[in-house]
Protein backbone atom coordinates (compact mmCIF):
# COMPACT_ATOMS: atom_id res chain seq x y z
CA MET A 1 0.00 0.00 0.00
CA ALA A 2 2.79 2.30 0.61
CA ALA A 3 3.92 1.94 -2.97
CA LYS A 4 0.46 2.68 -4.25
CA ASN A 5 -0.21 5.77 -2.09
CA PRO A 6 3.10 7.65 -1.34
CA GLY A 7 1.54 11.17 -1.04
CA PRO A 8 1.19 11.46 2.78
CA ILE A 9 4.68 10.13 3.39
CA LYS A 10 6.28 12.62 1.02
CA LYS A 11 4.33 15.44 2.56
CA TRP A 12 5.65 14.69 6.05
CA MET A 13 9.17 14.29 4.68
CA TYR A 14 9.02 17.81 3.15
CA VAL A 15 7.73 19.25 6.43
CA ALA A 16 10.55 17.60 8.41
CA LEU A 17 13.13 18.81 5.90
CA CYS A 18 11.89 22.42 6.16
CA LEU A 19 12.00 22.24 9.94
CA LEU A 20 15.64 21.18 9.73
CA ILE A 21 16.65 23.80 7.11
CA VAL A 22 15.33 26.84 9.03
CA PRO A 23 17.44 26.39 12.20
CA VAL A 24 20.49 25.51 10.08
CA LEU A 25 20.13 28.80 8.18
CA PHE A 26 19.78 30.76 11.44
CA ALA A 27 22.89 29.04 12.80
CA ILE A 28 24.89 29.95 9.68
CA ILE A 29 23.79 33.62 9.81
CA PHE A 30 24.57 33.86 13.53
CA THR A 31 28.04 32.36 13.00
CA ILE A 32 28.87 34.87 10.23
CA ASN A 33 27.77 37.84 12.36
CA CYS A 34 29.79 36.66 15.33
CA ALA A 35 32.86 36.32 13.14
CA LYS A 36 32.48 39.86 11.84
CA GLU A 37 31.93 41.65 15.18
CA PRO A 38 35.38 41.08 16.71
CA GLU A 39 36.99 42.45 13.51
CA SER A 40 35.14 45.75 13.82
CA VAL A 41 36.06 46.05 17.50
CA VAL A 42 39.75 45.43 16.81
CA ALA A 43 39.76 48.02 14.02
CA SER A 44 38.19 50.57 16.34
CA GLN A 45 40.73 49.88 19.06
CA GLY A 46 43.58 50.09 16.59
CA SER A 47 42.58 53.50 15.27
CA GLU A 48 42.21 54.86 18.81
CA ALA A 49 45.66 53.56 19.77
CA ASP A 50 47.25 55.26 16.79
CA ALA A 51 45.82 58.60 17.86
CA ASN A 52 46.20 58.49 21.62
CA GLN A 53 48.87 55.99 22.58
CA ALA A 54 52.67 56.12 22.35
CA PRO A 55 54.10 54.20 19.36
CA ALA A 56 55.50 50.75 19.95
CA GLU A 57 58.95 51.92 18.84
CA PRO A 58 60.15 54.37 21.57
CA ASN A 59 61.81 56.76 19.11
CA GLN A 60 59.35 56.48 16.25
CA HIS A 61 57.63 59.76 17.12
CA PHE A 62 60.96 61.56 17.11
CA GLU A 63 61.84 60.16 13.67
CA GLN A 64 58.51 61.30 12.25
CA ASP A 65 59.03 64.83 13.56
CA GLN A 66 62.60 64.88 12.30
CA LYS A 67 61.32 64.33 8.75
CA ASP A 68 59.41 67.61 8.83
CA PRO A 69 61.30 70.21 10.89
CA ASN A 70 59.18 73.01 9.39
CA ASP A 71 55.95 71.67 10.87
CA LYS A 72 54.56 74.52 12.99
CA SER A 73 52.08 72.43 14.97
CA PRO A 74 52.72 72.62 18.74
CA LEU A 75 54.49 69.70 20.38
CA ARG A 76 53.82 68.37 23.86
CA LEU A 77 56.87 66.90 25.55
CA GLU A 78 55.79 63.80 27.45
CA HIS A 79 58.89 63.17 29.62
CA LYS A 80 58.38 59.41 29.62
CA HIS A 81 62.05 58.50 29.96
CA PRO A 82 62.93 57.23 33.49
CA ALA A 83 65.66 59.90 33.84
CA PHE A 84 63.02 62.61 34.30
CA LYS A 85 61.83 60.93 37.52
CA GLU A 86 65.35 60.42 38.87
CA ARG A 87 67.16 62.86 41.17
CA THR A 88 64.31 65.37 41.16
CA LYS A 89 65.18 66.65 44.64
CA GLU A 90 68.72 67.38 43.52
CA ARG A 91 67.41 69.41 40.60
CA ALA A 92 65.02 71.33 42.83
CA ARG A 93 67.89 72.10 45.23
CA MET A 94 70.13 73.12 42.31
CA VAL A 95 67.50 75.57 41.05
CA ALA A 96 66.85 77.05 44.50
CA ARG A 97 70.48 77.46 45.58
CA GLN A 98 72.39 78.04 42.36
CA ILE A 99 69.89 79.75 40.08
CA GLN A 100 67.05 81.49 41.91
CA ALA A 101 69.49 82.67 44.56
CA ARG A 102 71.39 84.47 41.76
CA ASP A 103 68.36 86.35 40.50
CA ILE A 104 67.25 84.12 37.63
CA ASN A 105 63.50 84.65 37.85
CA ASP A 106 61.95 83.64 34.51
CA PRO A 107 59.41 80.96 35.54
CA ASN A 108 59.81 79.11 32.23
CA VAL A 109 63.57 78.87 32.72
CA LEU A 110 63.24 77.71 36.32
CA LYS A 111 60.70 75.07 35.29
CA ALA A 112 62.92 73.83 32.45
CA MET A 113 65.93 73.55 34.76
CA ARG A 114 63.88 71.51 37.23
CA ILE A 115 62.64 69.18 34.48
CA VAL A 116 65.71 68.42 32.33
CA PRO A 117 67.79 65.58 33.85
CA ARG A 118 71.32 66.97 33.61
CA HIS A 119 72.78 63.66 34.73
CA ALA A 120 71.48 62.02 31.54
CA PHE A 121 73.85 64.21 29.48
CA ILE A 122 76.95 63.40 31.51
CA ARG A 123 79.30 60.43 31.30
CA ALA A 124 78.89 57.74 33.95
CA GLY A 125 82.10 58.66 35.75
CA GLU A 126 80.96 62.24 36.40
CA GLN A 127 77.25 61.68 37.06
CA ARG A 128 77.63 62.01 40.82
CA TYR A 129 78.53 65.68 40.22
CA ALA A 130 75.69 66.30 37.77
CA TYR A 131 74.00 68.96 39.89
CA ALA A 132 77.10 70.60 41.29
CA ASP A 133 77.80 74.28 40.69
CA HIS A 134 80.51 73.89 38.04
CA PRO A 135 81.11 72.65 34.47
CA LEU A 136 82.02 69.02 33.80
CA PRO A 137 84.03 67.24 31.09
CA ILE A 138 82.05 65.42 28.40
CA GLY A 139 84.94 64.13 26.29
CA PHE A 140 86.57 65.45 23.12
CA ASP A 141 88.16 68.25 25.24
CA GLN A 142 84.71 69.79 25.73
CA THR A 143 82.57 70.54 28.78
CA ILE A 144 78.95 70.84 29.84
CA SER A 145 78.37 74.35 31.17
CA GLN A 146 77.72 75.26 34.79
CA PRO A 147 73.94 75.10 35.48
CA TYR A 148 73.79 78.78 36.40
CA ILE A 149 75.36 79.81 33.06
CA VAL A 150 72.86 77.63 31.18
CA ALA A 151 69.99 79.29 33.03
CA PHE A 152 71.44 82.79 32.62
CA MET A 153 71.91 82.44 28.87
CA THR A 154 68.47 80.90 28.42
CA GLU A 155 66.80 83.72 30.33
CA ALA A 156 68.70 86.31 28.25
CA LEU A 157 67.04 84.95 25.09
CA LYS A 158 63.54 85.70 26.44
CA LEU A 159 62.11 82.63 24.76
CA LYS A 160 58.43 82.19 23.99
CA PRO A 161 56.42 79.03 23.20
CA ASN A 162 56.56 79.83 19.46
CA SER A 163 60.29 80.72 19.38
CA LYS A 164 62.67 79.11 16.90
CA VAL A 165 66.17 78.80 18.34
CA LEU A 166 69.59 78.21 16.77
CA GLU A 167 72.35 76.86 19.00
CA ILE A 168 76.02 76.92 17.99
CA GLY A 169 77.88 74.18 19.83
CA THR A 170 75.59 71.30 20.81
CA GLY A 171 78.09 69.73 23.18
CA SER A 172 76.23 67.27 25.38
CA GLY A 173 72.80 68.49 24.23
CA TYR A 174 71.82 69.79 27.67
CA GLN A 175 71.44 73.46 26.68
CA ALA A 176 69.35 72.44 23.65
CA ALA A 177 67.05 70.40 25.89
CA VAL A 178 66.56 73.31 28.29
CA CYS A 179 65.64 75.60 25.39
CA ALA A 180 63.38 72.92 23.91
CA GLU A 181 61.32 72.86 27.12
CA ILE A 182 60.32 76.46 26.39
CA ALA A 183 60.65 77.07 22.64
CA GLN A 184 58.84 75.46 19.72
CA GLN A 185 61.95 74.30 17.82
CA VAL A 186 65.68 74.14 18.50
CA TYR A 187 68.25 73.71 15.72
CA THR A 188 71.68 72.87 17.07
CA ILE A 189 75.02 72.47 15.28
CA GLU A 190 78.12 70.68 16.57
CA ILE A 191 81.50 70.70 14.82
CA VAL A 192 82.79 67.62 16.68
CA GLU A 193 81.18 64.66 14.96
CA GLY A 194 81.43 62.32 17.95
CA LEU A 195 79.63 64.81 20.16
CA ALA A 196 76.98 65.49 17.52
CA LYS A 197 76.16 61.79 17.22
CA ARG A 198 76.08 61.27 20.98
CA ALA A 199 73.93 64.33 21.64
CA LYS A 200 71.49 63.39 18.88
CA LYS A 201 71.13 59.89 20.33
CA CYS A 202 70.65 61.21 23.87
CA LEU A 203 68.06 63.80 22.89
CA LYS A 204 66.24 61.20 20.82
CA GLU A 205 66.12 58.71 23.68
CA LEU A 206 64.88 61.35 26.12
CA GLY A 207 62.08 62.22 23.70
CA TYR A 208 62.77 65.70 22.33
CA PRO A 209 61.01 65.74 18.94
CA ASN A 210 61.54 69.49 18.59
CA VAL A 211 65.37 69.39 18.64
CA PHE A 212 67.24 68.96 15.35
CA VAL A 213 70.96 68.16 15.49
CA ARG A 214 73.44 68.78 12.68
CA PHE A 215 77.13 67.93 12.42
CA GLY A 216 78.90 70.92 10.89
CA ASP A 217 80.51 74.32 11.38
CA GLY A 218 78.24 76.63 13.32
CA PHE A 219 79.96 79.69 11.84
CA PHE A 220 77.61 79.42 8.84
CA GLY A 221 74.47 78.89 10.88
CA TRP A 222 71.52 76.94 9.45
CA LYS A 223 70.44 79.08 6.52
CA GLU A 224 67.60 76.92 5.21
CA ASN A 225 65.73 77.26 8.52
CA ALA A 226 66.51 80.94 9.15
CA PRO A 227 65.54 83.43 10.38
CA PHE A 228 65.69 82.58 14.07
CA ASP A 229 64.01 84.31 17.00
CA ALA A 230 67.00 83.49 19.19
CA ILE A 231 70.59 82.37 18.68
CA ILE A 232 72.82 81.01 21.42
CA GLY A 233 76.52 80.21 21.17
CA THR A 234 78.31 77.96 23.64
CA ALA A 235 81.92 78.38 22.42
CA ALA A 236 84.01 81.55 22.46
CA ALA A 237 85.16 83.28 19.29
CA GLY A 238 87.22 86.38 18.63
CA ARG A 239 84.45 87.78 16.42
CA ILE A 240 80.77 87.26 15.85
CA PRO A 241 80.15 85.24 12.67
CA PRO A 242 78.38 87.49 10.11
CA PRO A 243 76.04 84.67 8.93
CA LEU A 244 74.59 84.45 12.45
CA LEU A 245 73.82 88.17 12.48
CA GLU A 246 72.11 87.78 9.10
CA GLN A 247 70.05 84.81 10.30
CA LEU A 248 68.79 86.59 13.43
CA LYS A 249 65.20 87.70 12.91
CA PRO A 250 64.33 91.39 13.39
CA GLY A 251 63.22 91.66 17.01
CA GLY A 252 65.41 88.64 17.83
CA ARG A 253 68.10 88.17 20.47
CA MET A 254 71.49 86.48 20.44
CA ILE A 255 73.85 85.60 23.28
CA LEU A 256 77.32 84.12 22.90
CA PRO A 257 80.78 84.35 24.49
CA VAL A 258 83.21 86.63 22.66
CA GLU A 259 86.94 86.72 23.34
CA GLY A 260 88.49 90.16 23.55
CA SER A 261 91.97 91.49 24.25
CA PHE A 262 94.33 89.56 26.52
CA GLY A 263 92.13 86.46 26.21
CA PHE A 264 89.30 87.79 28.37
CA GLN A 265 85.83 86.55 27.43
CA HIS A 266 82.43 88.16 27.93
CA LEU A 267 78.94 87.01 27.25
CA VAL A 268 77.56 89.44 24.68
CA VAL A 269 73.85 90.03 24.14
CA ILE A 270 72.94 91.24 20.65
CA THR A 271 69.51 92.53 19.69
CA LYS A 272 68.21 93.37 16.24
CA ASP A 273 65.44 95.92 15.82
CA ASP A 274 62.75 95.90 13.16
CA LYS A 275 64.98 97.92 10.82
CA GLY A 276 67.88 95.49 11.15
CA ASN A 277 69.99 97.68 13.43
CA LEU A 278 72.14 95.79 15.94
CA ARG A 279 72.88 96.61 19.56
CA LYS A 280 75.55 94.79 21.56
CA ARG A 281 76.35 94.81 25.25
CA ASN A 282 78.61 92.79 27.52
CA VAL A 283 76.72 91.15 30.35
CA MET A 284 79.12 88.83 32.15
CA PRO A 285 82.78 87.73 32.19
CA VAL A 286 83.02 84.00 31.42
CA ARG A 287 85.37 81.22 30.39
CA PHE A 288 84.22 78.96 27.53
CA VAL A 289 86.04 76.50 25.30
CA PRO A 290 87.12 78.13 22.01
CA MET A 291 85.01 77.98 18.87
CA THR A 292 86.80 76.17 16.04
CA GLY A 293 86.41 75.96 12.28
CA GLU A 294 85.89 78.88 9.92
CA VAL A 295 85.98 81.43 12.72
CA MET A 296 89.66 80.67 13.35
CA LYS A 297 90.67 81.99 9.92
CA PRO A 298 91.70 85.65 9.56
CA GLU A 299 88.63 87.77 8.84
CA LYS A 300 89.66 88.77 5.30
CA GLU A 301 90.49 85.20 4.36
CA SER A 302 87.17 83.96 5.78
CA GLU A 303 85.21 86.44 3.68
CA LYS A 304 86.60 85.01 0.42
């Protein structure tokens, strides 16, 4: 009989098959949606990390900023390197006793001197004296300046948050870092290649994306990034290099040690008014290492 009348059996088979297909389809759709959701969450997290988190490579941010030194967007120094949290009491004591006590009152300078870890710019053998009131050797017959002199020269520049600074004589990089805490950009030139490489590495590791280091003769300045709001020299010369005067912006200020008769040196502050007129005045007797390179040639020979 089954062979003669198969209709009811087929009908129930179709019903059973439909009942099986529907849940299978729902299961497939649910599985696909579940697979897609985690992907969208990961993408969202990734885009947020790119915008708000530090890059995985510690110095990647510095490299990106180095590629475009003319970028005028403000930079926020994050001070993530462990050195910034080390020896903070020593820095506070240094500022109070060596700097404020000698009438350095610019709050931006005092803050910068409290922040920048001077010991990070000094060789291991001299780090115990990092916050003492005197210069220290950094190799290559060069020194890191006395903290008070660094603060005095920085204050004399009257830096602002949008200032562009040129430094002649990078040395350890400490003076550049102090200026970078206040100014928007610092361009620094070092004639001793070993010092230039070391300072660049140190500043990079500490996280100063607004400091640009060049190995070369500071006599010629950094023409492609001129003019500068402020110029600071950290080596003594018998004359002021003419290119530096040309690269100083009207309304700008320059301070550098100049050697006069009988070998005496003075810090000289130079200002340029809106018409390009220069004013010079001696502000302090000092003793700096000599500037080398083009400046050592006789003036007439150098002009050729």
